Amino acid sequence: LDFLRGRGRDTNELALPPKLYFHAYGG
């Protein structure tokens, strides 16, 4: 969660993959 939040601070669209899938989510 901390990692993904931090990536959003970069205004570059390429800072993130287009889609993220949490497989068999257990959180």
PDB file of all heavy atoms in Angstrom:
ATOM      1  N   LEU A   1       0.832  -1.198   0.000  1.00  0.00           N
ATOM      2  CA  LEU A   1       0.000   0.000   0.000  1.00  0.00           C
ATOM      3  C   LEU A   1       0.867   1.248   0.000  1.00  0.00           C
ATOM      4  O   LEU A   1       0.630   2.184  -0.782  1.00  0.00           O
ATOM      5  CB  LEU A   1      -0.922  -0.012   1.218  1.00  0.00           C
ATOM      6  CG  LEU A   1      -1.871   1.178   1.385  1.00  0.00           C
ATOM      7  CD1 LEU A   1      -2.780   1.341   0.178  1.00  0.00           C
ATOM      8  CD2 LEU A   1      -2.701   1.007   2.655  1.00  0.00           C
ATOM      9  N   ASP A   2       1.887   1.283   0.828  1.00  0.00           N
ATOM     10  CA  ASP A   2       2.800   2.427   0.872  1.00  0.00           C
ATOM     11  C   ASP A   2       3.528   2.599  -0.461  1.00  0.00           C
ATOM     12  O   ASP A   2       3.690   3.722  -0.956  1.00  0.00           O
ATOM     13  CB  ASP A   2       3.814   2.263   2.003  1.00  0.00           C
ATOM     14  CG  ASP A   2       3.193   2.417   3.377  1.00  0.00           C
ATOM     15  OD1 ASP A   2       2.083   2.976   3.469  1.00  0.00           O
ATOM     16  OD2 ASP A   2       3.820   1.970   4.356  1.00  0.00           O
ATOM     17  N   PHE A   3       3.956   1.483  -1.038  1.00  0.00           N
ATOM     18  CA  PHE A   3       4.665   1.536  -2.312  1.00  0.00           C
ATOM     19  C   PHE A   3       3.784   2.116  -3.409  1.00  0.00           C
ATOM     20  O   PHE A   3       4.194   2.998  -4.174  1.00  0.00           O
ATOM     21  CB  PHE A   3       5.139   0.134  -2.698  1.00  0.00           C
ATOM     22  CG  PHE A   3       5.757   0.048  -4.064  1.00  0.00           C
ATOM     23  CD1 PHE A   3       7.051   0.485  -4.284  1.00  0.00           C
ATOM     24  CD2 PHE A   3       5.039  -0.470  -5.141  1.00  0.00           C
ATOM     25  CE1 PHE A   3       7.618   0.415  -5.548  1.00  0.00           C
ATOM     26  CE2 PHE A   3       5.595  -0.554  -6.400  1.00  0.00           C
ATOM     27  CZ  PHE A   3       6.892  -0.104  -6.612  1.00  0.00           C
ATOM     28  N   LEU A   4       2.548   1.633  -3.498  1.00  0.00           N
ATOM     29  CA  LEU A   4       1.645   2.087  -4.554  1.00  0.00           C
ATOM     30  C   LEU A   4       1.215   3.531  -4.359  1.00  0.00           C
ATOM     31  O   LEU A   4       1.062   4.281  -5.321  1.00  0.00           O
ATOM     32  CB  LEU A   4       0.424   1.175  -4.623  1.00  0.00           C
ATOM     33  CG  LEU A   4       0.703  -0.264  -5.070  1.00  0.00           C
ATOM     34  CD1 LEU A   4      -0.553  -1.117  -4.966  1.00  0.00           C
ATOM     35  CD2 LEU A   4       1.249  -0.291  -6.488  1.00  0.00           C
ATOM     36  N   ARG A   5       1.015   3.933  -3.111  1.00  0.00           N
ATOM     37  CA  ARG A   5       0.718   5.341  -2.853  1.00  0.00           C
ATOM     38  C   ARG A   5       1.855   6.224  -3.328  1.00  0.00           C
ATOM     39  O   ARG A   5       1.639   7.275  -3.938  1.00  0.00           O
ATOM     40  CB  ARG A   5       0.509   5.555  -1.358  1.00  0.00           C
ATOM     41  CG  ARG A   5      -0.861   5.178  -0.828  1.00  0.00           C
ATOM     42  CD  ARG A   5      -0.838   5.283   0.668  1.00  0.00           C
ATOM     43  NE  ARG A   5      -2.145   5.111   1.281  1.00  0.00           N
ATOM     44  CZ  ARG A   5      -2.319   4.753   2.536  1.00  0.00           C
ATOM     45  NH1 ARG A   5      -1.264   4.524   3.311  1.00  0.00           N
ATOM     46  NH2 ARG A   5      -3.533   4.616   3.030  1.00  0.00           N
ATOM     47  N   GLY A   6       3.086   5.806  -3.055  1.00  0.00           N
ATOM     48  CA  GLY A   6       4.245   6.598  -3.443  1.00  0.00           C
ATOM     49  C   GLY A   6       4.386   6.757  -4.937  1.00  0.00           C
ATOM     50  O   GLY A   6       4.801   7.810  -5.426  1.00  0.00           O
ATOM     51  N   ARG A   7       4.018   5.728  -5.674  1.00  0.00           N
ATOM     52  CA  ARG A   7       4.129   5.824  -7.127  1.00  0.00           C
ATOM     53  C   ARG A   7       3.191   6.890  -7.690  1.00  0.00           C
ATOM     54  O   ARG A   7       3.481   7.491  -8.723  1.00  0.00           O
ATOM     55  CB  ARG A   7       3.788   4.474  -7.764  1.00  0.00           C
ATOM     56  CG  ARG A   7       4.755   3.383  -7.436  1.00  0.00           C
ATOM     57  CD  ARG A   7       6.132   3.614  -7.992  1.00  0.00           C
ATOM     58  NE  ARG A   7       6.180   3.494  -9.417  1.00  0.00           N
ATOM     59  CZ  ARG A   7       7.115   2.836 -10.089  1.00  0.00           C
ATOM     60  NH1 ARG A   7       8.087   2.213  -9.441  1.00  0.00           N
ATOM     61  NH2 ARG A   7       7.108   2.799 -11.398  1.00  0.00           N
ATOM     62  N   GLY A   8       2.109   7.145  -7.017  1.00  0.00           N
ATOM     63  CA  GLY A   8       1.159   8.134  -7.498  1.00  0.00           C
ATOM     64  C   GLY A   8       1.638   9.554  -7.380  1.00  0.00           C
ATOM     65  O   GLY A   8       1.066  10.471  -7.971  1.00  0.00           O
ATOM     66  N   ARG A   9       2.698   9.763  -6.605  1.00  0.00           N
ATOM     67  CA  ARG A   9       3.234  11.117  -6.477  1.00  0.00           C
ATOM     68  C   ARG A   9       3.983  11.548  -7.731  1.00  0.00           C
ATOM     69  O   ARG A   9       4.274  12.713  -7.924  1.00  0.00           O
ATOM     70  CB  ARG A   9       4.160  11.201  -5.260  1.00  0.00           C
ATOM     71  CG  ARG A   9       3.436  10.902  -3.940  1.00  0.00           C
ATOM     72  CD  ARG A   9       4.318  11.212  -2.749  1.00  0.00           C
ATOM     73  NE  ARG A   9       3.653  10.806  -1.519  1.00  0.00           N
ATOM     74  CZ  ARG A   9       3.942   9.709  -0.832  1.00  0.00           C
ATOM     75  NH1 ARG A   9       4.898   8.914  -1.252  1.00  0.00           N
ATOM     76  NH2 ARG A   9       3.295   9.403   0.277  1.00  0.00           N
ATOM     77  N   ASP A  10       4.322  10.551  -8.571  1.00  0.00           N
ATOM     78  CA  ASP A  10       4.979  10.829  -9.843  1.00  0.00           C
ATOM     79  C   ASP A  10       3.900  11.135 -10.877  1.00  0.00           C
ATOM     80  O   ASP A  10       3.016  10.316 -11.110  1.00  0.00           O
ATOM     81  CB  ASP A  10       5.803   9.606 -10.264  1.00  0.00           C
ATOM     82  CG  ASP A  10       6.711   9.883 -11.446  1.00  0.00           C
ATOM     83  OD1 ASP A  10       6.385  10.778 -12.254  1.00  0.00           O
ATOM     84  OD2 ASP A  10       7.737   9.206 -11.566  1.00  0.00           O
ATOM     85  N   THR A  11       3.980  12.300 -11.494  1.00  0.00           N
ATOM     86  CA  THR A  11       2.952  12.685 -12.471  1.00  0.00           C
ATOM     87  C   THR A  11       3.113  11.969 -13.807  1.00  0.00           C
ATOM     88  O   THR A  11       2.245  12.057 -14.666  1.00  0.00           O
ATOM     89  CB  THR A  11       2.991  14.206 -12.719  1.00  0.00           C
ATOM     90  OG1 THR A  11       4.317  14.578 -13.153  1.00  0.00           O
ATOM     91  CG2 THR A  11       2.644  14.959 -11.438  1.00  0.00           C
ATOM     92  N   ASN A  12       4.221  11.240 -13.962  1.00  0.00           N
ATOM     93  CA  ASN A  12       4.454  10.500 -15.188  1.00  0.00           C
ATOM     94  C   ASN A  12       3.531   9.281 -15.237  1.00  0.00           C
ATOM     95  O   ASN A  12       3.535   8.453 -14.334  1.00  0.00           O
ATOM     96  CB  ASN A  12       5.919  10.050 -15.234  1.00  0.00           C
ATOM     97  CG  ASN A  12       6.252   9.287 -16.498  1.00  0.00           C
ATOM     98  OD1 ASN A  12       5.406   9.095 -17.373  1.00  0.00           O
ATOM     99  ND2 ASN A  12       7.493   8.849 -16.597  1.00  0.00           N
ATOM    100  N   GLU A  13       2.742   9.148 -16.290  1.00  0.00           N
ATOM    101  CA  GLU A  13       1.822   8.021 -16.436  1.00  0.00           C
ATOM    102  C   GLU A  13       2.560   6.688 -16.410  1.00  0.00           C
ATOM    103  O   GLU A  13       2.028   5.671 -15.963  1.00  0.00           O
ATOM    104  CB  GLU A  13       1.039   8.154 -17.751  1.00  0.00           C
ATOM    105  CG  GLU A  13       0.062   7.031 -18.041  1.00  0.00           C
ATOM    106  CD  GLU A  13      -1.099   6.960 -17.064  1.00  0.00           C
ATOM    107  OE1 GLU A  13      -1.370   7.983 -16.394  1.00  0.00           O
ATOM    108  OE2 GLU A  13      -1.725   5.904 -16.965  1.00  0.00           O
ATOM    109  N   LEU A  14       3.820   6.688 -16.860  1.00  0.00           N
ATOM    110  CA  LEU A  14       4.584   5.453 -16.916  1.00  0.00           C
ATOM    111  C   LEU A  14       5.112   5.038 -15.546  1.00  0.00           C
ATOM    112  O   LEU A  14       5.848   4.058 -15.427  1.00  0.00           O
ATOM    113  CB  LEU A  14       5.752   5.592 -17.902  1.00  0.00           C
ATOM    114  CG  LEU A  14       5.367   5.885 -19.358  1.00  0.00           C
ATOM    115  CD1 LEU A  14       6.594   5.879 -20.241  1.00  0.00           C
ATOM    116  CD2 LEU A  14       4.345   4.882 -19.869  1.00  0.00           C
ATOM    117  N   ALA A  15       4.738   5.733 -14.503  1.00  0.00           N
ATOM    118  CA  ALA A  15       5.108   5.328 -13.152  1.00  0.00           C
ATOM    119  C   ALA A  15       4.270   4.162 -12.670  1.00  0.00           C
ATOM    120  O   ALA A  15       4.577   3.547 -11.650  1.00  0.00           O
ATOM    121  CB  ALA A  15       4.966   6.502 -12.180  1.00  0.00           C
ATOM    122  N   LEU A  16       3.209   3.830 -13.406  1.00  0.00           N
ATOM    123  CA  LEU A  16       2.303   2.756 -13.019  1.00  0.00           C
ATOM    124  C   LEU A  16       1.971   1.872 -14.221  1.00  0.00           C
ATOM    125  O   LEU A  16       1.869   2.359 -15.346  1.00  0.00           O
ATOM    126  CB  LEU A  16       0.992   3.327 -12.475  1.00  0.00           C
ATOM    127  CG  LEU A  16       1.017   3.988 -11.097  1.00  0.00           C
ATOM    128  CD1 LEU A  16      -0.229   4.839 -10.919  1.00  0.00           C
ATOM    129  CD2 LEU A  16       1.110   2.929 -10.003  1.00  0.00           C
ATOM    130  N   PRO A  17       1.765   0.559 -13.985  1.00  0.00           N
ATOM    131  CA  PRO A  17       1.225  -0.291 -15.054  1.00  0.00           C
ATOM    132  C   PRO A  17      -0.205   0.140 -15.362  1.00  0.00           C
ATOM    133  O   PRO A  17      -0.861   0.771 -14.525  1.00  0.00           O
ATOM    134  CB  PRO A  17       1.245  -1.697 -14.438  1.00  0.00           C
ATOM    135  CG  PRO A  17       2.155  -1.609 -13.252  1.00  0.00           C
ATOM    136  CD  PRO A  17       2.048  -0.199 -12.756  1.00  0.00           C
ATOM    137  N   PRO A  18      -0.711  -0.205 -16.528  1.00  0.00           N
ATOM    138  CA  PRO A  18      -2.080   0.216 -16.873  1.00  0.00           C
ATOM    139  C   PRO A  18      -3.141  -0.428 -15.980  1.00  0.00           C
ATOM    140  O   PRO A  18      -4.163   0.194 -15.689  1.00  0.00           O
ATOM    141  CB  PRO A  18      -2.241  -0.228 -18.331  1.00  0.00           C
ATOM    142  CG  PRO A  18      -1.207  -1.287 -18.524  1.00  0.00           C
ATOM    143  CD  PRO A  18      -0.069  -0.929 -17.635  1.00  0.00           C
ATOM    144  N   LYS A  19      -2.919  -1.665 -15.538  1.00  0.00           N
ATOM    145  CA  LYS A  19      -3.857  -2.376 -14.672  1.00  0.00           C
ATOM    146  C   LYS A  19      -3.077  -3.223 -13.660  1.00  0.00           C
ATOM    147  O   LYS A  19      -2.001  -3.738 -13.971  1.00  0.00           O
ATOM    148  CB  LYS A  19      -4.794  -3.276 -15.481  1.00  0.00           C
ATOM    149  CG  LYS A  19      -5.646  -2.522 -16.509  1.00  0.00           C
ATOM    150  CD  LYS A  19      -6.689  -1.645 -15.859  1.00  0.00           C
ATOM    151  CE  LYS A  19      -7.376  -0.717 -16.840  1.00  0.00           C
ATOM    152  NZ  LYS A  19      -8.159  -1.408 -17.856  1.00  0.00           N
ATOM    153  N   LEU A  20      -3.664  -3.361 -12.452  1.00  0.00           N
ATOM    154  CA  LEU A  20      -3.054  -4.153 -11.389  1.00  0.00           C
ATOM    155  C   LEU A  20      -4.102  -5.120 -10.841  1.00  0.00           C
ATOM    156  O   LEU A  20      -5.208  -4.700 -10.491  1.00  0.00           O
ATOM    157  CB  LEU A  20      -2.551  -3.273 -10.241  1.00  0.00           C
ATOM    158  CG  LEU A  20      -1.519  -2.192 -10.539  1.00  0.00           C
ATOM    159  CD1 LEU A  20      -2.198  -0.896 -10.991  1.00  0.00           C
ATOM    160  CD2 LEU A  20      -0.686  -1.902  -9.298  1.00  0.00           C
ATOM    161  N   TYR A  21      -3.735  -6.375 -10.764  1.00  0.00           N
ATOM    162  CA  TYR A  21      -4.671  -7.415 -10.327  1.00  0.00           C
ATOM    163  C   TYR A  21      -4.118  -8.133  -9.098  1.00  0.00           C
ATOM    164  O   TYR A  21      -3.075  -8.771  -9.170  1.00  0.00           O
ATOM    165  CB  TYR A  21      -4.890  -8.391 -11.487  1.00  0.00           C
ATOM    166  CG  TYR A  21      -5.706  -9.625 -11.168  1.00  0.00           C
ATOM    167  CD1 TYR A  21      -6.712  -9.621 -10.209  1.00  0.00           C
ATOM    168  CD2 TYR A  21      -5.465 -10.816 -11.859  1.00  0.00           C
ATOM    169  CE1 TYR A  21      -7.456 -10.756  -9.941  1.00  0.00           C
ATOM    170  CE2 TYR A  21      -6.214 -11.956 -11.602  1.00  0.00           C
ATOM    171  CZ  TYR A  21      -7.205 -11.918 -10.639  1.00  0.00           C
ATOM    172  OH  TYR A  21      -7.938 -13.032 -10.371  1.00  0.00           O
ATOM    173  N   PHE A  22      -4.828  -8.020  -7.983  1.00  0.00           N
ATOM    174  CA  PHE A  22      -4.454  -8.734  -6.766  1.00  0.00           C
ATOM    175  C   PHE A  22      -5.041 -10.142  -6.832  1.00  0.00           C
ATOM    176  O   PHE A  22      -6.224 -10.342  -6.585  1.00  0.00           O
ATOM    177  CB  PHE A  22      -4.955  -7.998  -5.527  1.00  0.00           C
ATOM    178  CG  PHE A  22      -4.185  -6.757  -5.212  1.00  0.00           C
ATOM    179  CD1 PHE A  22      -4.575  -5.530  -5.730  1.00  0.00           C
ATOM    180  CD2 PHE A  22      -3.065  -6.804  -4.405  1.00  0.00           C
ATOM    181  CE1 PHE A  22      -3.863  -4.375  -5.451  1.00  0.00           C
ATOM    182  CE2 PHE A  22      -2.343  -5.660  -4.114  1.00  0.00           C
ATOM    183  CZ  PHE A  22      -2.737  -4.442  -4.630  1.00  0.00           C
ATOM    184  N   HIS A  23      -4.195 -11.090  -7.162  1.00  0.00           N
ATOM    185  CA  HIS A  23      -4.603 -12.488  -7.314  1.00  0.00           C
ATOM    186  C   HIS A  23      -4.945 -13.106  -5.959  1.00  0.00           C
ATOM    187  O   HIS A  23      -4.204 -12.949  -4.986  1.00  0.00           O
ATOM    188  CB  HIS A  23      -3.450 -13.242  -7.980  1.00  0.00           C
ATOM    189  CG  HIS A  23      -3.344 -14.684  -7.652  1.00  0.00           C
ATOM    190  ND1 HIS A  23      -4.289 -15.599  -8.027  1.00  0.00           N
ATOM    191  CD2 HIS A  23      -2.387 -15.391  -6.995  1.00  0.00           C
ATOM    192  CE1 HIS A  23      -3.922 -16.796  -7.620  1.00  0.00           C
ATOM    193  NE2 HIS A  23      -2.776 -16.694  -6.980  1.00  0.00           N
ATOM    194  N   ALA A  24      -6.095 -13.787  -5.887  1.00  0.00           N
ATOM    195  CA  ALA A  24      -6.546 -14.462  -4.665  1.00  0.00           C
ATOM    196  C   ALA A  24      -6.324 -13.551  -3.456  1.00  0.00           C
ATOM    197  O   ALA A  24      -5.638 -13.907  -2.507  1.00  0.00           O
ATOM    198  CB  ALA A  24      -5.831 -15.801  -4.488  1.00  0.00           C
ATOM    199  N   TYR A  25      -6.935 -12.386  -3.512  1.00  0.00           N
ATOM    200  CA  TYR A  25      -6.685 -11.340  -2.514  1.00  0.00           C
ATOM    201  C   TYR A  25      -6.972 -11.846  -1.096  1.00  0.00           C
ATOM    202  O   TYR A  25      -8.065 -12.348  -0.801  1.00  0.00           O
ATOM    203  CB  TYR A  25      -7.544 -10.108  -2.805  1.00  0.00           C
ATOM    204  CG  TYR A  25      -7.350  -9.015  -1.777  1.00  0.00           C
ATOM    205  CD1 TYR A  25      -6.206  -8.228  -1.811  1.00  0.00           C
ATOM    206  CD2 TYR A  25      -8.277  -8.814  -0.758  1.00  0.00           C
ATOM    207  CE1 TYR A  25      -6.004  -7.237  -0.861  1.00  0.00           C
ATOM    208  CE2 TYR A  25      -8.076  -7.824   0.192  1.00  0.00           C
ATOM    209  CZ  TYR A  25      -6.932  -7.045   0.136  1.00  0.00           C
ATOM    210  OH  TYR A  25      -6.726  -6.075   1.097  1.00  0.00           O
ATOM    211  N   GLY A  26      -5.980 -11.667  -0.223  1.00  0.00           N
ATOM    212  CA  GLY A  26      -6.114 -12.133   1.151  1.00  0.00           C
ATOM    213  C   GLY A  26      -5.908 -11.062   2.193  1.00  0.00           C
ATOM    214  O   GLY A  26      -5.763 -11.366   3.384  1.00  0.00           O
ATOM    215  N   GLY A  27      -5.898  -9.812   1.756  1.00  0.00           N
ATOM    216  CA  GLY A  27      -5.710  -8.715   2.703  1.00  0.00           C
ATOM    217  C   GLY A  27      -6.990  -8.372   3.439  1.00  0.00           C
ATOM    218  O   GLY A  27      -8.001  -9.081   3.369  1.00  0.00           O
TER     219      GLY A  27
END
